[in-house]
Structures are given as structure tokens and as C-alpha cells.
PDB file of N, CA and C in Angstrom:
ATOM      1  N   MET A   1       0.844  -1.183   0.000  1.00  0.00           N
ATOM      2  CA  MET A   1       0.000   0.000   0.000  1.00  0.00           C
ATOM      3  C   MET A   1       0.885   1.241   0.000  1.00  0.00           C
ATOM      4  N   LEU A   2       0.409   2.269  -0.705  1.00  0.00           N
ATOM      5  CA  LEU A   2       1.165   3.511  -0.813  1.00  0.00           C
ATOM      6  C   LEU A   2       1.101   4.304   0.485  1.00  0.00           C
ATOM      7  N   SER A   3       2.161   5.041   0.754  1.00  0.00           N
ATOM      8  CA  SER A   3       2.174   5.930   1.915  1.00  0.00           C
ATOM      9  C   SER A   3       1.449   7.231   1.556  1.00  0.00           C
ATOM     10  N   CYS A   4       1.118   8.009   2.571  1.00  0.00           N
ATOM     11  CA  CYS A   4       0.469   9.302   2.336  1.00  0.00           C
ATOM     12  C   CYS A   4       1.363  10.205   1.492  1.00  0.00           C
ATOM     13  N   GLU A   5       2.641  10.176   1.749  1.00  0.00           N
ATOM     14  CA  GLU A   5       3.580  10.997   0.980  1.00  0.00           C
ATOM     15  C   GLU A   5       3.556  10.604  -0.503  1.00  0.00           C
ATOM     16  N   GLU A   6       3.537   9.309  -0.761  1.00  0.00           N
ATOM     17  CA  GLU A   6       3.493   8.839  -2.151  1.00  0.00           C
ATOM     18  C   GLU A   6       2.177   9.232  -2.827  1.00  0.00           C
ATOM     19  N   VAL A   7       1.089   9.126  -2.085  1.00  0.00           N
ATOM     20  CA  VAL A   7      -0.223   9.446  -2.650  1.00  0.00           C
ATOM     21  C   VAL A   7      -0.332  10.934  -2.959  1.00  0.00           C
ATOM     22  N   THR A   8       0.115  11.789  -2.049  1.00  0.00           N
ATOM     23  CA  THR A   8       0.037  13.224  -2.328  1.00  0.00           C
ATOM     24  C   THR A   8       0.891  13.585  -3.543  1.00  0.00           C
ATOM     25  N   GLN A   9       2.027  12.923  -3.680  1.00  0.00           N
ATOM     26  CA  GLN A   9       2.875  13.154  -4.852  1.00  0.00           C
ATOM     27  C   GLN A   9       2.149  12.720  -6.126  1.00  0.00           C
ATOM     28  N   LEU A  10       1.530  11.551  -6.084  1.00  0.00           N
ATOM     29  CA  LEU A  10       0.815  11.049  -7.263  1.00  0.00           C
ATOM     30  C   LEU A  10      -0.413  11.899  -7.595  1.00  0.00           C
ATOM     31  N   VAL A  11      -1.109  12.355  -6.564  1.00  0.00           N
ATOM     32  CA  VAL A  11      -2.266  13.221  -6.792  1.00  0.00           C
ATOM     33  C   VAL A  11      -1.813  14.499  -7.499  1.00  0.00           C
ATOM     34  N   SER A  12      -0.714  15.070  -7.054  1.00  0.00           N
ATOM     35  CA  SER A  12      -0.174  16.272  -7.699  1.00  0.00           C
ATOM     36  C   SER A  12       0.269  15.981  -9.126  1.00  0.00           C
ATOM     37  N   GLU A  13       0.957  14.879  -9.313  1.00  0.00           N
ATOM     38  CA  GLU A  13       1.426  14.509 -10.651  1.00  0.00           C
ATOM     39  C   GLU A  13       0.268  14.247 -11.608  1.00  0.00           C
ATOM     40  N   SER A  14      -0.838  13.748 -11.070  1.00  0.00           N
ATOM     41  CA  SER A  14      -1.982  13.425 -11.933  1.00  0.00           C
ATOM     42  C   SER A  14      -2.569  14.667 -12.599  1.00  0.00           C
ATOM     43  N   LEU A  15      -2.245  15.844 -12.074  1.00  0.00           N
ATOM     44  CA  LEU A  15      -2.702  17.081 -12.706  1.00  0.00           C
ATOM     45  C   LEU A  15      -1.935  17.359 -13.992  1.00  0.00           C
ATOM     46  N   ASP A  16      -0.717  16.833 -14.071  1.00  0.00           N
ATOM     47  CA  ASP A  16       0.156  17.118 -15.212  1.00  0.00           C
ATOM     48  C   ASP A  16       0.291  15.963 -16.191  1.00  0.00           C
ATOM     49  N   ARG A  17       0.029  14.767 -15.713  1.00  0.00           N
ATOM     50  CA  ARG A  17       0.190  13.602 -16.588  1.00  0.00           C
ATOM     51  C   ARG A  17      -0.787  12.519 -16.164  1.00  0.00           C
ATOM     52  N   GLU A  18      -1.033  11.586 -17.071  1.00  0.00           N
ATOM     53  CA  GLU A  18      -1.909  10.463 -16.750  1.00  0.00           C
ATOM     54  C   GLU A  18      -1.107   9.420 -15.985  1.00  0.00           C
ATOM     55  N   LEU A  19      -1.659   9.000 -14.862  1.00  0.00           N
ATOM     56  CA  LEU A  19      -0.999   7.967 -14.059  1.00  0.00           C
ATOM     57  C   LEU A  19      -1.223   6.603 -14.706  1.00  0.00           C
ATOM     58  N   SER A  20      -0.333   5.684 -14.384  1.00  0.00           N
ATOM     59  CA  SER A  20      -0.511   4.313 -14.870  1.00  0.00           C
ATOM     60  C   SER A  20      -1.733   3.706 -14.184  1.00  0.00           C
ATOM     61  N   LEU A  21      -2.242   2.643 -14.745  1.00  0.00           N
ATOM     62  CA  LEU A  21      -3.400   1.974 -14.155  1.00  0.00           C
ATOM     63  C   LEU A  21      -3.100   1.565 -12.720  1.00  0.00           C
ATOM     64  N   ARG A  22      -1.948   1.003 -12.496  1.00  0.00           N
ATOM     65  CA  ARG A  22      -1.561   0.570 -11.146  1.00  0.00           C
ATOM     66  C   ARG A  22      -1.520   1.757 -10.184  1.00  0.00           C
ATOM     67  N   GLN A  23      -0.953   2.865 -10.628  1.00  0.00           N
ATOM     68  CA  GLN A  23      -0.887   4.053  -9.771  1.00  0.00           C
ATOM     69  C   GLN A  23      -2.284   4.588  -9.470  1.00  0.00           C
ATOM     70  N   ARG A  24      -3.149   4.619 -10.480  1.00  0.00           N
ATOM     71  CA  ARG A  24      -4.517   5.113 -10.272  1.00  0.00           C
ATOM     72  C   ARG A  24      -5.274   4.243  -9.277  1.00  0.00           C
ATOM     73  N   VAL A  25      -5.177   2.926  -9.439  1.00  0.00           N
ATOM     74  CA  VAL A  25      -5.890   2.009  -8.543  1.00  0.00           C
ATOM     75  C   VAL A  25      -5.353   2.128  -7.122  1.00  0.00           C
ATOM     76  N   SER A  26      -4.038   2.130  -6.979  1.00  0.00           N
ATOM     77  CA  SER A  26      -3.427   2.237  -5.647  1.00  0.00           C
ATOM     78  C   SER A  26      -3.791   3.554  -4.978  1.00  0.00           C
ATOM     79  N   THR A  27      -3.778   4.620  -5.763  1.00  0.00           N
ATOM     80  CA  THR A  27      -4.115   5.938  -5.216  1.00  0.00           C
ATOM     81  C   THR A  27      -5.572   5.972  -4.784  1.00  0.00           C
ATOM     82  N   LYS A  28      -6.473   5.472  -5.622  1.00  0.00           N
ATOM     83  CA  LYS A  28      -7.900   5.469  -5.274  1.00  0.00           C
ATOM     84  C   LYS A  28      -8.172   4.635  -4.023  1.00  0.00           C
ATOM     85  N   MET A  29      -7.513   3.497  -3.910  1.00  0.00           N
ATOM     86  CA  MET A  29      -7.695   2.657  -2.713  1.00  0.00           C
ATOM     87  C   MET A  29      -7.246   3.419  -1.472  1.00  0.00           C
ATOM     88  N   HIS A  30      -6.105   4.065  -1.567  1.00  0.00           N
ATOM     89  CA  HIS A  30      -5.589   4.822  -0.428  1.00  0.00           C
ATOM     90  C   HIS A  30      -6.550   5.965  -0.084  1.00  0.00           C
ATOM     91  N   LEU A  31      -7.049   6.672  -1.111  1.00  0.00           N
ATOM     92  CA  LEU A  31      -7.952   7.796  -0.870  1.00  0.00           C
ATOM     93  C   LEU A  31      -9.256   7.353  -0.215  1.00  0.00           C
ATOM     94  N   MET A  32      -9.713   6.125  -0.493  1.00  0.00           N
ATOM     95  CA  MET A  32     -10.932   5.617   0.135  1.00  0.00           C
ATOM     96  C   MET A  32     -10.723   5.349   1.622  1.00  0.00           C
ATOM     97  N   MET A  33      -9.490   5.080   2.012  1.00  0.00           N
ATOM     98  CA  MET A  33      -9.213   4.730   3.406  1.00  0.00           C
ATOM     99  C   MET A  33      -8.616   5.874   4.212  1.00  0.00           C
ATOM    100  N   CYS A  34      -8.020   6.853   3.552  1.00  0.00           N
ATOM    101  CA  CYS A  34      -7.299   7.902   4.269  1.00  0.00           C
ATOM    102  C   CYS A  34      -8.039   9.235   4.139  1.00  0.00           C
ATOM    103  N   ARG A  35      -8.573   9.674   5.245  1.00  0.00           N
ATOM    104  CA  ARG A  35      -9.350  10.913   5.266  1.00  0.00           C
ATOM    105  C   ARG A  35      -8.494  12.132   4.926  1.00  0.00           C
ATOM    106  N   LEU A  36      -7.263  12.180   5.419  1.00  0.00           N
ATOM    107  CA  LEU A  36      -6.402  13.337   5.174  1.00  0.00           C
ATOM    108  C   LEU A  36      -5.991  13.443   3.706  1.00  0.00           C
ATOM    109  N   CYS A  37      -5.614  12.340   3.109  1.00  0.00           N
ATOM    110  CA  CYS A  37      -5.237  12.362   1.690  1.00  0.00           C
ATOM    111  C   CYS A  37      -6.447  12.660   0.812  1.00  0.00           C
ATOM    112  N   SER A  38      -7.605  12.150   1.213  1.00  0.00           N
ATOM    113  CA  SER A  38      -8.831  12.427   0.477  1.00  0.00           C
ATOM    114  C   SER A  38      -9.136  13.924   0.525  1.00  0.00           C
ATOM    115  N   ARG A  39      -8.955  14.524   1.688  1.00  0.00           N
ATOM    116  CA  ARG A  39      -9.165  15.966   1.831  1.00  0.00           C
ATOM    117  C   ARG A  39      -8.178  16.739   0.955  1.00  0.00           C
ATOM    118  N   TYR A  40      -6.919  16.309   0.959  1.00  0.00           N
ATOM    119  CA  TYR A  40      -5.897  16.944   0.119  1.00  0.00           C
ATOM    120  C   TYR A  40      -6.302  16.865  -1.354  1.00  0.00           C
ATOM    121  N   ASN A  41      -6.764  15.701  -1.769  1.00  0.00           N
ATOM    122  CA  ASN A  41      -7.192  15.502  -3.156  1.00  0.00           C
ATOM    123  C   ASN A  41      -8.342  16.444  -3.509  1.00  0.00           C
ATOM    124  N   LYS A  42      -9.315  16.574  -2.610  1.00  0.00           N
ATOM    125  CA  LYS A  42     -10.458  17.456  -2.854  1.00  0.00           C
ATOM    126  C   LYS A  42     -10.027  18.919  -2.896  1.00  0.00           C
ATOM    127  N   GLN A  43      -9.111  19.301  -2.009  1.00  0.00           N
ATOM    128  CA  GLN A  43      -8.627  20.678  -2.001  1.00  0.00           C
ATOM    129  C   GLN A  43      -7.880  21.004  -3.294  1.00  0.00           C
ATOM    130  N   LEU A  44      -7.064  20.075  -3.744  1.00  0.00           N
ATOM    131  CA  LEU A  44      -6.314  20.279  -4.982  1.00  0.00           C
ATOM    132  C   LEU A  44      -7.270  20.386  -6.175  1.00  0.00           C
ATOM    133  N   ALA A  45      -8.292  19.539  -6.180  1.00  0.00           N
ATOM    134  CA  ALA A  45      -9.291  19.593  -7.255  1.00  0.00           C
ATOM    135  C   ALA A  45     -10.048  20.921  -7.208  1.00  0.00           C
ATOM    136  N   GLY A  46     -10.350  21.398  -6.003  1.00  0.00           N
ATOM    137  CA  GLY A  46     -11.028  22.687  -5.852  1.00  0.00           C
ATOM    138  C   GLY A  46     -10.183  23.844  -6.351  1.00  0.00           C
ATOM    139  N   LEU A  47      -8.899  23.804  -6.034  1.00  0.00           N
ATOM    140  CA  LEU A  47      -7.987  24.845  -6.520  1.00  0.00           C
ATOM    141  C   LEU A  47      -7.894  24.832  -8.038  1.00  0.00           C
ATOM    142  N   ARG A  48      -7.794  23.649  -8.581  1.00  0.00           N
ATOM    143  CA  ARG A  48      -7.698  23.530 -10.040  1.00  0.00           C
ATOM    144  C   ARG A  48      -8.946  24.104 -10.708  1.00  0.00           C
ATOM    145  N   GLU A  49     -10.106  23.801 -10.153  1.00  0.00           N
ATOM    146  CA  GLU A  49     -11.355  24.319 -10.704  1.00  0.00           C
ATOM    147  C   GLU A  49     -11.423  25.843 -10.564  1.00  0.00           C
ATOM    148  N   ALA A  50     -10.979  26.359  -9.421  1.00  0.00           N
ATOM    149  CA  ALA A  50     -10.979  27.814  -9.222  1.00  0.00           C
ATOM    150  C   ALA A  50     -10.070  28.500 -10.235  1.00  0.00           C
ATOM    151  N   PHE A  51      -8.892  27.940 -10.464  1.00  0.00           N
ATOM    152  CA  PHE A  51      -7.980  28.511 -11.460  1.00  0.00           C
ATOM    153  C   PHE A  51      -8.579  28.432 -12.861  1.00  0.00           C
ATOM    154  N   ARG A  52      -9.250  27.321 -13.153  1.00  0.00           N
ATOM    155  CA  ARG A  52      -9.867  27.156 -14.470  1.00  0.00           C
ATOM    156  C   ARG A  52     -10.952  28.210 -14.688  1.00  0.00           C
ATOM    157  N   LEU A  53     -11.795  28.408 -13.671  1.00  0.00           N
ATOM    158  CA  LEU A  53     -12.864  29.397 -13.783  1.00  0.00           C
ATOM    159  C   LEU A  53     -12.301  30.805 -13.893  1.00  0.00           C
ATOM    160  N   HIS A  54     -11.254  31.084 -13.128  1.00  0.00           N
ATOM    161  CA  HIS A  54     -10.617  32.405 -13.188  1.00  0.00           C
ATOM    162  C   HIS A  54     -10.036  32.652 -14.577  1.00  0.00           C
ATOM    163  N   ALA A  55      -9.393  31.643 -15.130  1.00  0.00           N
ATOM    164  CA  ALA A  55      -8.808  31.781 -16.468  1.00  0.00           C
ATOM    165  C   ALA A  55      -9.897  32.015 -17.508  1.00  0.00           C
ATOM    166  N   MET A  56     -11.018  31.338 -17.364  1.00  0.00           N
ATOM    167  CA  MET A  56     -12.127  31.530 -18.303  1.00  0.00           C
ATOM    168  C   MET A  56     -12.665  32.951 -18.196  1.00  0.00           C
ATOM    169  N   ARG A  57     -12.779  33.453 -16.971  1.00  0.00           N
ATOM    170  CA  ARG A  57     -13.290  34.806 -16.756  1.00  0.00           C
ATOM    171  C   ARG A  57     -12.322  35.827 -17.339  1.00  0.00           C
ATOM    172  N   GLU A  58     -11.021  35.612 -17.175  1.00  0.00           N
ATOM    173  CA  GLU A  58     -10.013  36.522 -17.717  1.00  0.00           C
ATOM    174  C   GLU A  58     -10.087  36.577 -19.236  1.00  0.00           C
ATOM    175  N   GLU A  59     -10.406  35.457 -19.874  1.00  0.00           N
ATOM    176  CA  GLU A  59     -10.520  35.437 -21.333  1.00  0.00           C
ATOM    177  C   GLU A  59     -11.689  36.286 -21.802  1.00  0.00           C
ATOM    178  N   ASP A  60     -12.727  36.398 -20.969  1.00  0.00           N
ATOM    179  CA  ASP A  60     -13.906  37.179 -21.338  1.00  0.00           C
ATOM    180  C   ASP A  60     -13.692  38.677 -21.157  1.00  0.00           C
ATOM    181  N   ILE A  61     -12.702  39.044 -20.362  1.00  0.00           N
ATOM    182  CA  ILE A  61     -12.441  40.453 -20.079  1.00  0.00           C
ATOM    183  C   ILE A  61     -11.421  40.974 -21.081  1.00  0.00           C
ATOM    184  N   ASP A  62     -11.760  42.056 -21.730  1.00  0.00           N
ATOM    185  CA  ASP A  62     -10.824  42.673 -22.663  1.00  0.00           C
ATOM    186  C   ASP A  62      -9.860  43.520 -21.842  1.00  0.00           C
ATOM    187  N   ILE A  63      -8.634  43.071 -21.710  1.00  0.00           N
ATOM    188  CA  ILE A  63      -7.673  43.780 -20.870  1.00  0.00           C
ATOM    189  C   ILE A  63      -7.043  44.965 -21.588  1.00  0.00           C
ATOM    190  N   TYR A  64      -7.276  45.090 -22.872  1.00  0.00           N
ATOM    191  CA  TYR A  64      -6.725  46.213 -23.621  1.00  0.00           C
ATOM    192  C   TYR A  64      -7.812  47.266 -23.791  1.00  0.00           C
ATOM    193  N   PRO A  65      -7.547  48.497 -23.363  1.00  0.00           N
ATOM    194  CA  PRO A  65      -8.570  49.528 -23.495  1.00  0.00           C
ATOM    195  C   PRO A  65      -8.850  49.827 -24.969  1.00  0.00           C
ATOM    196  N   ALA A  66     -10.053  50.254 -25.208  1.00  0.00           N
ATOM    197  CA  ALA A  66     -10.428  50.594 -26.577  1.00  0.00           C
ATOM    198  C   ALA A  66      -9.566  51.758 -27.050  1.00  0.00           C
ATOM    199  N   SER A  67      -9.131  51.701 -28.267  1.00  0.00           N
ATOM    200  CA  SER A  67      -8.316  52.794 -28.799  1.00  0.00           C
ATOM    201  C   SER A  67      -9.101  53.516 -29.880  1.00  0.00           C
ATOM    202  N   LEU A  68      -8.817  54.790 -29.999  1.00  0.00           N
ATOM    203  CA  LEU A  68      -9.493  55.603 -30.999  1.00  0.00           C
ATOM    204  C   LEU A  68      -8.799  55.462 -32.338  1.00  0.00           C
ATOM    205  N   SER A  69      -9.583  55.576 -33.367  1.00  0.00           N
ATOM    206  CA  SER A  69      -8.992  55.568 -34.706  1.00  0.00           C
ATOM    207  C   SER A  69      -8.213  56.865 -34.891  1.00  0.00           C
ATOM    208  N   SER A  70      -7.320  56.866 -35.831  1.00  0.00           N
ATOM    209  CA  SER A  70      -6.527  58.076 -36.069  1.00  0.00           C
ATOM    210  C   SER A  70      -7.429  59.231 -36.506  1.00  0.00           C
ATOM    211  N   GLU A  71      -8.496  58.928 -37.243  1.00  0.00           N
ATOM    212  CA  GLU A  71      -9.435  59.975 -37.663  1.00  0.00           C
ATOM    213  C   GLU A  71     -10.129  60.600 -36.452  1.00  0.00           C
ATOM    214  N   ALA A  72     -10.548  59.763 -35.520  1.00  0.00           N
ATOM    215  CA  ALA A  72     -11.216  60.274 -34.322  1.00  0.00           C
ATOM    216  C   ALA A  72     -10.256  61.129 -33.504  1.00  0.00           C
ATOM    217  N   ARG A  73      -9.021  60.692 -33.369  1.00  0.00           N
ATOM    218  CA  ARG A  73      -8.026  61.487 -32.644  1.00  0.00           C
ATOM    219  C   ARG A  73      -7.815  62.846 -33.313  1.00  0.00           C
ATOM    220  N   GLN A  74      -7.765  62.837 -34.626  1.00  0.00           N
ATOM    221  CA  GLN A  74      -7.564  64.082 -35.370  1.00  0.00           C
ATOM    222  C   GLN A  74      -8.741  65.030 -35.161  1.00  0.00           C
ATOM    223  N   ARG A  75      -9.968  64.503 -35.178  1.00  0.00           N
ATOM    224  CA  ARG A  75     -11.154  65.342 -34.950  1.00  0.00           C
ATOM    225  C   ARG A  75     -11.131  65.945 -33.550  1.00  0.00           C
ATOM    226  N   ILE A  76     -10.729  65.166 -32.566  1.00  0.00           N
ATOM    227  CA  ILE A  76     -10.659  65.667 -31.194  1.00  0.00           C
ATOM    228  C   ILE A  76      -9.608  66.768 -31.097  1.00  0.00           C
ATOM    229  N   LYS A  77      -8.446  66.551 -31.695  1.00  0.00           N
ATOM    230  CA  LYS A  77      -7.391  67.573 -31.684  1.00  0.00           C
ATOM    231  C   LYS A  77      -7.879  68.865 -32.327  1.00  0.00           C
ATOM    232  N   GLN A  78      -8.566  68.732 -33.460  1.00  0.00           N
ATOM    233  CA  GLN A  78      -9.080  69.917 -34.144  1.00  0.00           C
ATOM    234  C   GLN A  78     -10.110  70.633 -33.282  1.00  0.00           C
ATOM    235  N   ALA A  79     -10.988  69.863 -32.641  1.00  0.00           N
ATOM    236  CA  ALA A  79     -12.011  70.469 -31.790  1.00  0.00           C
ATOM    237  C   ALA A  79     -11.365  71.173 -30.601  1.00  0.00           C
ATOM    238  N   LEU A  80     -10.375  70.566 -29.997  1.00  0.00           N
ATOM    239  CA  LEU A  80      -9.682  71.195 -28.873  1.00  0.00           C
ATOM    240  C   LEU A  80      -8.939  72.444 -29.327  1.00  0.00           C
ATOM    241  N   HIS A  81      -8.296  72.364 -30.470  1.00  0.00           N
ATOM    242  CA  HIS A  81      -7.559  73.505 -30.999  1.00  0.00           C
ATOM    243  C   HIS A  81      -8.526  74.651 -31.304  1.00  0.00           C
ATOM    244  N   HIS A  82      -9.668  74.307 -31.911  1.00  0.00           N
ATOM    245  CA  HIS A  82     -10.671  75.314 -32.253  1.00  0.00           C
ATOM    246  C   HIS A  82     -11.243  75.942 -30.982  1.00  0.00           C
ATOM    247  N   THR A  83     -11.524  75.130 -29.971  1.00  0.00           N
ATOM    248  CA  THR A  83     -12.092  75.614 -28.721  1.00  0.00           C
ATOM    249  C   THR A  83     -11.109  76.514 -27.990  1.00  0.00           C
ATOM    250  N   SER A  84      -9.838  76.186 -28.021  1.00  0.00           N
ATOM    251  CA  SER A  84      -8.842  76.982 -27.296  1.00  0.00           C
ATOM    252  C   SER A  84      -8.651  78.356 -27.926  1.00  0.00           C
ATOM    253  N   ARG A  85      -9.025  78.548 -29.191  1.00  0.00           N
ATOM    254  CA  ARG A  85      -8.890  79.841 -29.870  1.00  0.00           C
ATOM    255  C   ARG A  85     -10.078  80.760 -29.597  1.00  0.00           C
ATOM    256  N   GLU A  86     -11.208  80.175 -29.178  1.00  0.00           N
ATOM    257  CA  GLU A  86     -12.399  80.994 -28.944  1.00  0.00           C
ATOM    258  C   GLU A  86     -12.226  81.794 -27.665  1.00  0.00           C
ATOM    259  N   PRO A  87     -12.673  83.047 -27.663  1.00  0.00           N
ATOM    260  CA  PRO A  87     -12.596  83.854 -26.438  1.00  0.00           C
ATOM    261  C   PRO A  87     -13.611  83.348 -25.416  1.00  0.00           C
ATOM    262  N   HIS A  88     -13.244  83.427 -24.160  1.00  0.00           N
ATOM    263  CA  HIS A  88     -14.135  82.968 -23.074  1.00  0.00           C
ATOM    264  C   HIS A  88     -14.800  84.118 -22.424  1.00  0.00           C
TER     265      HIS A  88
END
């Protein structure tokens, strides 16, 4: 049977690569019997889901501010220049 240290290592590795059948079975058996490792597994899964949701939300947010076309900038400059010449 795997130790808690081995199981936590395998649980972490399973995020980056597929475990062998033997590793998956041994890990699942250990997780069914060990409350602490099971909690660790759930916490890691929760973190992964939170990061996934955050990444999805970031993709929906346009982080680059809208920019004006050169024509719009020119019109604004002309309007400001024209306004600054008018007497107040």
C-alpha cells in the first residue's frame, strides 16, 4: 500500500500527466481509506477548478482599453484647438 507521501505526490502529478493503471488504482484505494489524503485531493481539485474558472473569466475580459482611430483622434485635436482659440 502507498504511503500518504506517495499518494500526495501522485495526486499532484496526476494534474500534469496520466498515471498508470496501477498508480490510479493504488491511489484510489488509499484515498478511500485515508481521510487526510482524500481531503488533500479534494482541495487540490477545488484549486484547479478555481484557477480554471478564473482563467475563463479573464478570457472574457478585454484587458486592452479601446483605442481611438486616427481619424477620431484628429477630430478631437481639431475640436480642442478650435475651442482653445475661442474667447471665453
